[in-house]
Amino acid sequence: RDRYQRRVREPRVREMETRRDYLYSLLQAAIDNKQGCTVRRNGPPDGLDVLPNTLSVVLCGIDAARLLRAMDKTVAASAGAACHSGAQLSVSRTLRAIGLDNRAAAGTLRLSIGRETSDADVERAAAAIAAACAAQLS
């Protein structure tokens, strides 16, 4: 089992972390400070203790639920926190616990990277999100 960890699992984890961070950098480059929208990563300030495959960002000035509808299944993503039921209209306790107000929580988008996710997939997702943000802000 330890050999499996070193030989197979650890490189996969590093690849997912790299792609997750690449997605964040693309979102920042395409969206941050354009048309009044900013992109901020949710999680600990040091970036440690986060899942290697998950990116949670606040798209300030964006309604994430509306953004998802506009992308119409182009990007597999969700609004809010993983532990939050879509039926609830309030801010999830998780997002509240990390200090988000209602507006930031409403702009939270959660994206996941899989083992088979390629750089091209990440680039397409970032472009689709940026286009949907631009449309929402125009």
N, C-alpha and C. Protein backbone atom coordinates (compact mmCIF):
# COMPACT_ATOMS: atom_id res chain seq x y z
N ARG A 1 0.82 -1.20 0.00
CA ARG A 1 0.00 0.00 0.00
C ARG A 1 0.86 1.26 0.00
N ASP A 2 1.94 1.29 0.78
CA ASP A 2 2.81 2.46 0.80
C ASP A 2 3.45 2.70 -0.56
N ARG A 3 3.79 1.61 -1.26
CA ARG A 3 4.38 1.77 -2.60
C ARG A 3 3.35 2.35 -3.56
N TYR A 4 2.11 1.93 -3.43
CA TYR A 4 1.04 2.50 -4.27
C TYR A 4 0.91 3.99 -4.02
N GLN A 5 0.94 4.37 -2.76
CA GLN A 5 0.85 5.79 -2.40
C GLN A 5 1.93 6.59 -3.12
N ARG A 6 3.18 6.12 -3.00
CA ARG A 6 4.30 6.86 -3.58
C ARG A 6 4.29 6.82 -5.11
N ARG A 7 3.95 5.67 -5.68
CA ARG A 7 4.08 5.48 -7.11
C ARG A 7 2.89 6.03 -7.90
N VAL A 8 1.67 5.89 -7.39
CA VAL A 8 0.48 6.23 -8.15
C VAL A 8 -0.28 7.42 -7.58
N ARG A 9 -0.61 7.35 -6.32
CA ARG A 9 -1.51 8.36 -5.75
C ARG A 9 -0.87 9.73 -5.63
N GLU A 10 0.35 9.79 -5.11
CA GLU A 10 0.97 11.10 -4.89
C GLU A 10 1.16 11.90 -6.18
N PRO A 11 1.62 11.28 -7.28
CA PRO A 11 1.71 12.07 -8.53
C PRO A 11 0.34 12.55 -9.01
N ARG A 12 -0.70 11.74 -8.85
CA ARG A 12 -2.05 12.17 -9.25
C ARG A 12 -2.51 13.36 -8.43
N VAL A 13 -2.24 13.33 -7.15
CA VAL A 13 -2.62 14.43 -6.27
C VAL A 13 -1.91 15.70 -6.71
N ARG A 14 -0.62 15.60 -6.97
CA ARG A 14 0.15 16.77 -7.41
C ARG A 14 -0.39 17.32 -8.74
N GLU A 15 -0.76 16.41 -9.66
CA GLU A 15 -1.32 16.85 -10.95
C GLU A 15 -2.63 17.60 -10.73
N MET A 16 -3.49 17.08 -9.86
CA MET A 16 -4.76 17.77 -9.60
C MET A 16 -4.52 19.12 -8.94
N GLU A 17 -3.59 19.18 -8.00
CA GLU A 17 -3.28 20.47 -7.37
C GLU A 17 -2.77 21.47 -8.40
N THR A 18 -1.92 21.01 -9.29
CA THR A 18 -1.38 21.89 -10.33
C THR A 18 -2.48 22.40 -11.24
N ARG A 19 -3.39 21.53 -11.64
CA ARG A 19 -4.50 21.96 -12.51
C ARG A 19 -5.48 22.86 -11.77
N ARG A 20 -5.73 22.57 -10.51
CA ARG A 20 -6.61 23.43 -9.70
C ARG A 20 -6.03 24.83 -9.64
N ASP A 21 -4.73 24.92 -9.37
CA ASP A 21 -4.07 26.22 -9.28
C ASP A 21 -4.01 26.92 -10.65
N TYR A 22 -3.85 26.14 -11.70
CA TYR A 22 -3.86 26.69 -13.06
C TYR A 22 -5.23 27.30 -13.37
N LEU A 23 -6.29 26.60 -13.00
CA LEU A 23 -7.65 27.11 -13.20
C LEU A 23 -7.82 28.44 -12.46
N TYR A 24 -7.36 28.50 -11.23
CA TYR A 24 -7.47 29.75 -10.46
C TYR A 24 -6.71 30.88 -11.15
N SER A 25 -5.50 30.60 -11.63
CA SER A 25 -4.71 31.66 -12.29
C SER A 25 -5.39 32.12 -13.57
N LEU A 26 -6.01 31.20 -14.32
CA LEU A 26 -6.73 31.59 -15.53
C LEU A 26 -7.95 32.44 -15.20
N LEU A 27 -8.68 32.07 -14.16
CA LEU A 27 -9.84 32.87 -13.75
C LEU A 27 -9.41 34.26 -13.32
N GLN A 28 -8.33 34.34 -12.56
CA GLN A 28 -7.83 35.65 -12.16
C GLN A 28 -7.46 36.50 -13.37
N ALA A 29 -6.74 35.91 -14.31
CA ALA A 29 -6.29 36.65 -15.49
C ALA A 29 -7.47 37.11 -16.35
N ALA A 30 -8.50 36.28 -16.45
CA ALA A 30 -9.61 36.59 -17.34
C ALA A 30 -10.68 37.47 -16.70
N ILE A 31 -10.82 37.38 -15.38
CA ILE A 31 -11.97 38.04 -14.73
C ILE A 31 -11.57 39.12 -13.75
N ASP A 32 -10.53 38.90 -12.97
CA ASP A 32 -10.21 39.77 -11.84
C ASP A 32 -10.04 41.23 -12.26
N ASN A 33 -10.78 42.09 -11.58
CA ASN A 33 -10.75 43.54 -11.78
C ASN A 33 -11.22 43.99 -13.16
N LYS A 34 -12.02 43.16 -13.81
CA LYS A 34 -12.61 43.53 -15.09
C LYS A 34 -14.11 43.72 -14.89
N GLN A 35 -14.62 44.81 -15.34
CA GLN A 35 -16.04 45.14 -15.24
C GLN A 35 -16.54 45.08 -13.79
N GLY A 36 -15.68 45.41 -12.86
CA GLY A 36 -16.10 45.47 -11.46
C GLY A 36 -16.14 44.13 -10.74
N CYS A 37 -15.65 43.07 -11.36
CA CYS A 37 -15.66 41.75 -10.74
C CYS A 37 -14.27 41.40 -10.22
N THR A 38 -14.22 40.84 -9.04
CA THR A 38 -12.95 40.35 -8.51
C THR A 38 -13.09 38.86 -8.24
N VAL A 39 -11.96 38.16 -8.25
CA VAL A 39 -11.92 36.73 -7.99
C VAL A 39 -11.10 36.52 -6.73
N ARG A 40 -11.69 35.83 -5.77
CA ARG A 40 -10.98 35.57 -4.51
C ARG A 40 -11.15 34.09 -4.15
N ARG A 41 -10.06 33.46 -3.80
CA ARG A 41 -10.08 32.05 -3.42
C ARG A 41 -10.59 31.90 -2.00
N ASN A 42 -11.51 30.96 -1.80
CA ASN A 42 -11.96 30.64 -0.45
C ASN A 42 -11.00 29.63 0.18
N GLY A 43 -10.90 29.67 1.48
CA GLY A 43 -10.05 28.71 2.18
C GLY A 43 -9.04 29.42 3.05
N PRO A 44 -8.15 28.62 3.64
CA PRO A 44 -7.15 29.21 4.54
C PRO A 44 -6.20 30.13 3.78
N PRO A 45 -5.80 31.23 4.41
CA PRO A 45 -4.93 32.21 3.73
C PRO A 45 -3.61 31.61 3.24
N ASP A 46 -3.09 30.60 3.94
CA ASP A 46 -1.81 30.02 3.54
C ASP A 46 -1.96 29.01 2.40
N GLY A 47 -3.21 28.69 2.03
CA GLY A 47 -3.44 27.75 0.94
C GLY A 47 -3.20 26.29 1.31
N LEU A 48 -2.85 26.05 2.54
CA LEU A 48 -2.63 24.67 2.99
C LEU A 48 -3.95 24.09 3.47
N ASP A 49 -3.97 22.80 3.64
CA ASP A 49 -5.16 22.10 4.15
C ASP A 49 -6.39 22.33 3.27
N VAL A 50 -6.19 22.30 1.96
CA VAL A 50 -7.31 22.36 1.03
C VAL A 50 -7.29 21.08 0.20
N LEU A 51 -8.44 20.69 -0.30
CA LEU A 51 -8.50 19.50 -1.13
C LEU A 51 -7.72 19.73 -2.42
N PRO A 52 -6.98 18.74 -2.87
CA PRO A 52 -6.15 18.93 -4.07
C PRO A 52 -6.95 19.11 -5.35
N ASN A 53 -8.21 18.68 -5.34
CA ASN A 53 -8.98 18.71 -6.57
C ASN A 53 -10.10 19.74 -6.58
N THR A 54 -10.22 20.53 -5.52
CA THR A 54 -11.37 21.43 -5.41
C THR A 54 -10.93 22.88 -5.31
N LEU A 55 -11.59 23.71 -6.10
CA LEU A 55 -11.36 25.15 -6.07
C LEU A 55 -12.67 25.83 -5.74
N SER A 56 -12.66 26.60 -4.67
CA SER A 56 -13.83 27.39 -4.29
C SER A 56 -13.43 28.85 -4.38
N VAL A 57 -14.15 29.59 -5.22
CA VAL A 57 -13.83 31.00 -5.42
C VAL A 57 -15.07 31.86 -5.25
N VAL A 58 -14.83 33.09 -4.80
CA VAL A 58 -15.88 34.10 -4.78
C VAL A 58 -15.67 34.96 -6.01
N LEU A 59 -16.72 35.05 -6.81
CA LEU A 59 -16.73 35.95 -7.96
C LEU A 59 -17.56 37.15 -7.52
N CYS A 60 -16.88 38.14 -6.94
CA CYS A 60 -17.59 39.29 -6.37
C CYS A 60 -18.37 40.02 -7.46
N GLY A 61 -19.62 40.30 -7.16
CA GLY A 61 -20.48 40.98 -8.11
C GLY A 61 -21.23 40.03 -9.02
N ILE A 62 -21.03 38.73 -8.84
CA ILE A 62 -21.67 37.71 -9.68
C ILE A 62 -22.64 36.89 -8.84
N ASP A 63 -23.75 36.52 -9.43
CA ASP A 63 -24.69 35.58 -8.82
C ASP A 63 -24.31 34.20 -9.38
N ALA A 64 -23.69 33.36 -8.55
CA ALA A 64 -23.16 32.07 -9.02
C ALA A 64 -24.26 31.15 -9.54
N ALA A 65 -25.43 31.15 -8.93
CA ALA A 65 -26.52 30.29 -9.41
C ALA A 65 -26.95 30.72 -10.81
N ARG A 66 -27.03 32.01 -11.02
CA ARG A 66 -27.39 32.54 -12.35
C ARG A 66 -26.29 32.22 -13.36
N LEU A 67 -25.04 32.30 -12.91
CA LEU A 67 -23.90 31.98 -13.76
C LEU A 67 -23.98 30.53 -14.24
N LEU A 68 -24.31 29.62 -13.33
CA LEU A 68 -24.42 28.21 -13.69
C LEU A 68 -25.52 27.99 -14.73
N ARG A 69 -26.65 28.66 -14.53
CA ARG A 69 -27.74 28.53 -15.51
C ARG A 69 -27.31 29.05 -16.88
N ALA A 70 -26.55 30.14 -16.89
CA ALA A 70 -26.10 30.73 -18.16
C ALA A 70 -25.11 29.82 -18.88
N MET A 71 -24.31 29.09 -18.13
CA MET A 71 -23.33 28.19 -18.75
C MET A 71 -23.99 26.91 -19.25
N ASP A 72 -25.21 26.63 -18.81
CA ASP A 72 -26.01 25.51 -19.31
C ASP A 72 -25.21 24.22 -19.50
N LYS A 73 -24.63 23.75 -18.44
CA LYS A 73 -23.91 22.47 -18.41
C LYS A 73 -22.62 22.47 -19.22
N THR A 74 -22.13 23.64 -19.61
CA THR A 74 -20.84 23.72 -20.29
C THR A 74 -19.72 23.37 -19.34
N VAL A 75 -19.88 23.76 -18.08
CA VAL A 75 -18.88 23.52 -17.04
C VAL A 75 -19.57 22.81 -15.88
N ALA A 76 -18.96 21.73 -15.41
CA ALA A 76 -19.49 21.05 -14.24
C ALA A 76 -19.02 21.81 -13.01
N ALA A 77 -19.93 22.48 -12.37
CA ALA A 77 -19.61 23.30 -11.21
C ALA A 77 -20.83 23.38 -10.32
N SER A 78 -20.67 23.95 -9.15
CA SER A 78 -21.81 24.18 -8.28
C SER A 78 -21.63 25.51 -7.57
N ALA A 79 -22.75 26.03 -7.13
CA ALA A 79 -22.72 27.29 -6.39
C ALA A 79 -22.73 26.97 -4.91
N GLY A 80 -22.00 27.75 -4.13
CA GLY A 80 -22.01 27.57 -2.68
C GLY A 80 -21.03 26.53 -2.19
N ALA A 81 -21.38 25.93 -1.06
CA ALA A 81 -20.51 24.95 -0.40
C ALA A 81 -21.04 23.54 -0.64
N ALA A 82 -20.16 22.57 -0.55
CA ALA A 82 -20.54 21.17 -0.79
C ALA A 82 -21.58 20.68 0.21
N CYS A 83 -21.57 21.21 1.39
CA CYS A 83 -22.48 20.74 2.43
C CYS A 83 -23.81 21.50 2.45
N HIS A 84 -24.05 22.30 1.44
CA HIS A 84 -25.22 23.17 1.42
C HIS A 84 -26.27 22.63 0.47
N SER A 85 -27.45 22.44 0.94
CA SER A 85 -28.55 21.96 0.10
C SER A 85 -29.02 23.06 -0.82
N GLY A 86 -29.27 22.72 -2.08
CA GLY A 86 -29.76 23.70 -3.04
C GLY A 86 -31.12 24.24 -2.70
N ALA A 87 -31.85 23.54 -1.85
CA ALA A 87 -33.19 23.98 -1.48
C ALA A 87 -33.17 25.12 -0.47
N GLN A 88 -32.04 25.29 0.19
CA GLN A 88 -31.96 26.33 1.21
C GLN A 88 -31.69 27.68 0.55
N LEU A 89 -32.27 28.73 1.12
CA LEU A 89 -32.07 30.07 0.58
C LEU A 89 -31.08 30.87 1.41
N SER A 90 -30.62 30.33 2.50
CA SER A 90 -29.70 31.04 3.36
C SER A 90 -28.26 30.68 3.01
N VAL A 91 -27.33 31.44 3.56
CA VAL A 91 -25.91 31.17 3.39
C VAL A 91 -25.56 29.91 4.19
N SER A 92 -24.79 29.04 3.58
CA SER A 92 -24.41 27.81 4.29
C SER A 92 -23.58 28.14 5.52
N ARG A 93 -23.66 27.27 6.49
CA ARG A 93 -22.86 27.47 7.72
C ARG A 93 -21.38 27.44 7.42
N THR A 94 -20.98 26.63 6.44
CA THR A 94 -19.56 26.55 6.07
C THR A 94 -19.06 27.88 5.53
N LEU A 95 -19.81 28.47 4.61
CA LEU A 95 -19.38 29.75 4.06
C LEU A 95 -19.44 30.86 5.10
N ARG A 96 -20.43 30.79 5.96
CA ARG A 96 -20.52 31.76 7.06
C ARG A 96 -19.31 31.61 7.99
N ALA A 97 -18.92 30.36 8.28
CA ALA A 97 -17.80 30.10 9.20
C ALA A 97 -16.47 30.62 8.66
N ILE A 98 -16.33 30.68 7.33
CA ILE A 98 -15.08 31.22 6.80
C ILE A 98 -15.16 32.73 6.60
N GLY A 99 -16.27 33.32 7.05
CA GLY A 99 -16.36 34.77 7.09
C GLY A 99 -17.02 35.43 5.90
N LEU A 100 -17.72 34.66 5.07
CA LEU A 100 -18.36 35.28 3.91
C LEU A 100 -19.70 35.90 4.28
N ASP A 101 -19.95 37.07 3.73
CA ASP A 101 -21.27 37.68 3.90
C ASP A 101 -22.21 37.13 2.83
N ASN A 102 -23.45 37.54 2.84
CA ASN A 102 -24.44 37.01 1.90
C ASN A 102 -24.05 37.22 0.44
N ARG A 103 -23.54 38.38 0.13
CA ARG A 103 -23.19 38.68 -1.26
C ARG A 103 -22.02 37.80 -1.75
N ALA A 104 -21.00 37.66 -0.91
CA ALA A 104 -19.86 36.81 -1.30
C ALA A 104 -20.29 35.35 -1.41
N ALA A 105 -21.13 34.91 -0.49
CA ALA A 105 -21.62 33.53 -0.54
C ALA A 105 -22.42 33.29 -1.81
N ALA A 106 -23.22 34.27 -2.21
CA ALA A 106 -24.02 34.13 -3.44
C ALA A 106 -23.13 34.07 -4.68
N GLY A 107 -21.93 34.60 -4.58
CA GLY A 107 -20.99 34.58 -5.70
C GLY A 107 -19.97 33.46 -5.62
N THR A 108 -20.18 32.51 -4.72
CA THR A 108 -19.22 31.41 -4.56
C THR A 108 -19.49 30.31 -5.58
N LEU A 109 -18.43 29.97 -6.29
CA LEU A 109 -18.47 28.91 -7.29
C LEU A 109 -17.48 27.83 -6.87
N ARG A 110 -17.92 26.57 -6.90
CA ARG A 110 -17.06 25.45 -6.51
C ARG A 110 -16.81 24.58 -7.73
N LEU A 111 -15.53 24.36 -8.02
CA LEU A 111 -15.12 23.59 -9.19
C LEU A 111 -14.22 22.44 -8.74
N SER A 112 -14.33 21.32 -9.42
CA SER A 112 -13.51 20.16 -9.07
C SER A 112 -12.72 19.70 -10.28
N ILE A 113 -11.52 19.24 -10.00
CA ILE A 113 -10.62 18.69 -11.00
C ILE A 113 -10.62 17.17 -10.81
N GLY A 114 -10.73 16.43 -11.89
CA GLY A 114 -10.68 14.97 -11.81
C GLY A 114 -9.35 14.43 -12.30
N ARG A 115 -9.17 13.13 -12.13
CA ARG A 115 -7.92 12.50 -12.58
C ARG A 115 -7.73 12.64 -14.08
N GLU A 116 -8.82 12.67 -14.83
CA GLU A 116 -8.75 12.74 -16.29
C GLU A 116 -8.82 14.16 -16.83
N THR A 117 -8.93 15.15 -15.95
CA THR A 117 -9.03 16.55 -16.40
C THR A 117 -7.71 16.97 -17.03
N SER A 118 -7.78 17.54 -18.21
CA SER A 118 -6.58 18.00 -18.92
C SER A 118 -6.44 19.51 -18.80
N ASP A 119 -5.29 20.00 -19.21
CA ASP A 119 -5.09 21.46 -19.24
C ASP A 119 -6.09 22.10 -20.20
N ALA A 120 -6.38 21.43 -21.31
CA ALA A 120 -7.35 21.96 -22.27
C ALA A 120 -8.74 22.06 -21.64
N ASP A 121 -9.11 21.06 -20.82
CA ASP A 121 -10.39 21.12 -20.10
C ASP A 121 -10.44 22.33 -19.18
N VAL A 122 -9.35 22.55 -18.46
CA VAL A 122 -9.26 23.68 -17.53
C VAL A 122 -9.37 25.00 -18.29
N GLU A 123 -8.69 25.09 -19.42
CA GLU A 123 -8.73 26.31 -20.23
C GLU A 123 -10.13 26.58 -20.77
N ARG A 124 -10.83 25.53 -21.24
CA ARG A 124 -12.20 25.69 -21.72
C ARG A 124 -13.12 26.13 -20.59
N ALA A 125 -12.95 25.54 -19.41
CA ALA A 125 -13.80 25.91 -18.26
C ALA A 125 -13.58 27.37 -17.89
N ALA A 126 -12.33 27.78 -17.81
CA ALA A 126 -12.02 29.17 -17.45
C ALA A 126 -12.61 30.14 -18.47
N ALA A 127 -12.49 29.81 -19.75
CA ALA A 127 -13.03 30.68 -20.80
C ALA A 127 -14.54 30.76 -20.71
N ALA A 128 -15.20 29.64 -20.45
CA ALA A 128 -16.67 29.64 -20.33
C ALA A 128 -17.14 30.44 -19.12
N ILE A 129 -16.44 30.29 -18.01
CA ILE A 129 -16.80 31.04 -16.80
C ILE A 129 -16.59 32.53 -17.03
N ALA A 130 -15.46 32.88 -17.64
CA ALA A 130 -15.17 34.30 -17.92
C ALA A 130 -16.23 34.90 -18.84
N ALA A 131 -16.63 34.16 -19.87
CA ALA A 131 -17.65 34.67 -20.79
C ALA A 131 -19.00 34.83 -20.09
N ALA A 132 -19.35 33.88 -19.24
CA ALA A 132 -20.62 33.98 -18.51
C ALA A 132 -20.59 35.14 -17.52
N CYS A 133 -19.45 35.37 -16.90
CA CYS A 133 -19.31 36.52 -16.00
C CYS A 133 -19.46 37.83 -16.77
N ALA A 134 -18.81 37.92 -17.91
CA ALA A 134 -18.88 39.14 -18.72
C ALA A 134 -20.33 39.41 -19.14
N ALA A 135 -21.04 38.35 -19.55
CA ALA A 135 -22.43 38.52 -19.96
C ALA A 135 -23.30 38.97 -18.80
N GLN A 136 -23.04 38.43 -17.61
CA GLN A 136 -23.84 38.81 -16.45
C GLN A 136 -23.58 40.25 -16.03
N LEU A 137 -22.38 40.70 -16.22
CA LEU A 137 -22.00 42.06 -15.80
C LEU A 137 -22.33 43.12 -16.84
N SER A 138 -22.66 42.71 -18.05
CA SER A 138 -22.91 43.71 -19.10
C SER A 138 -24.34 44.22 -19.07
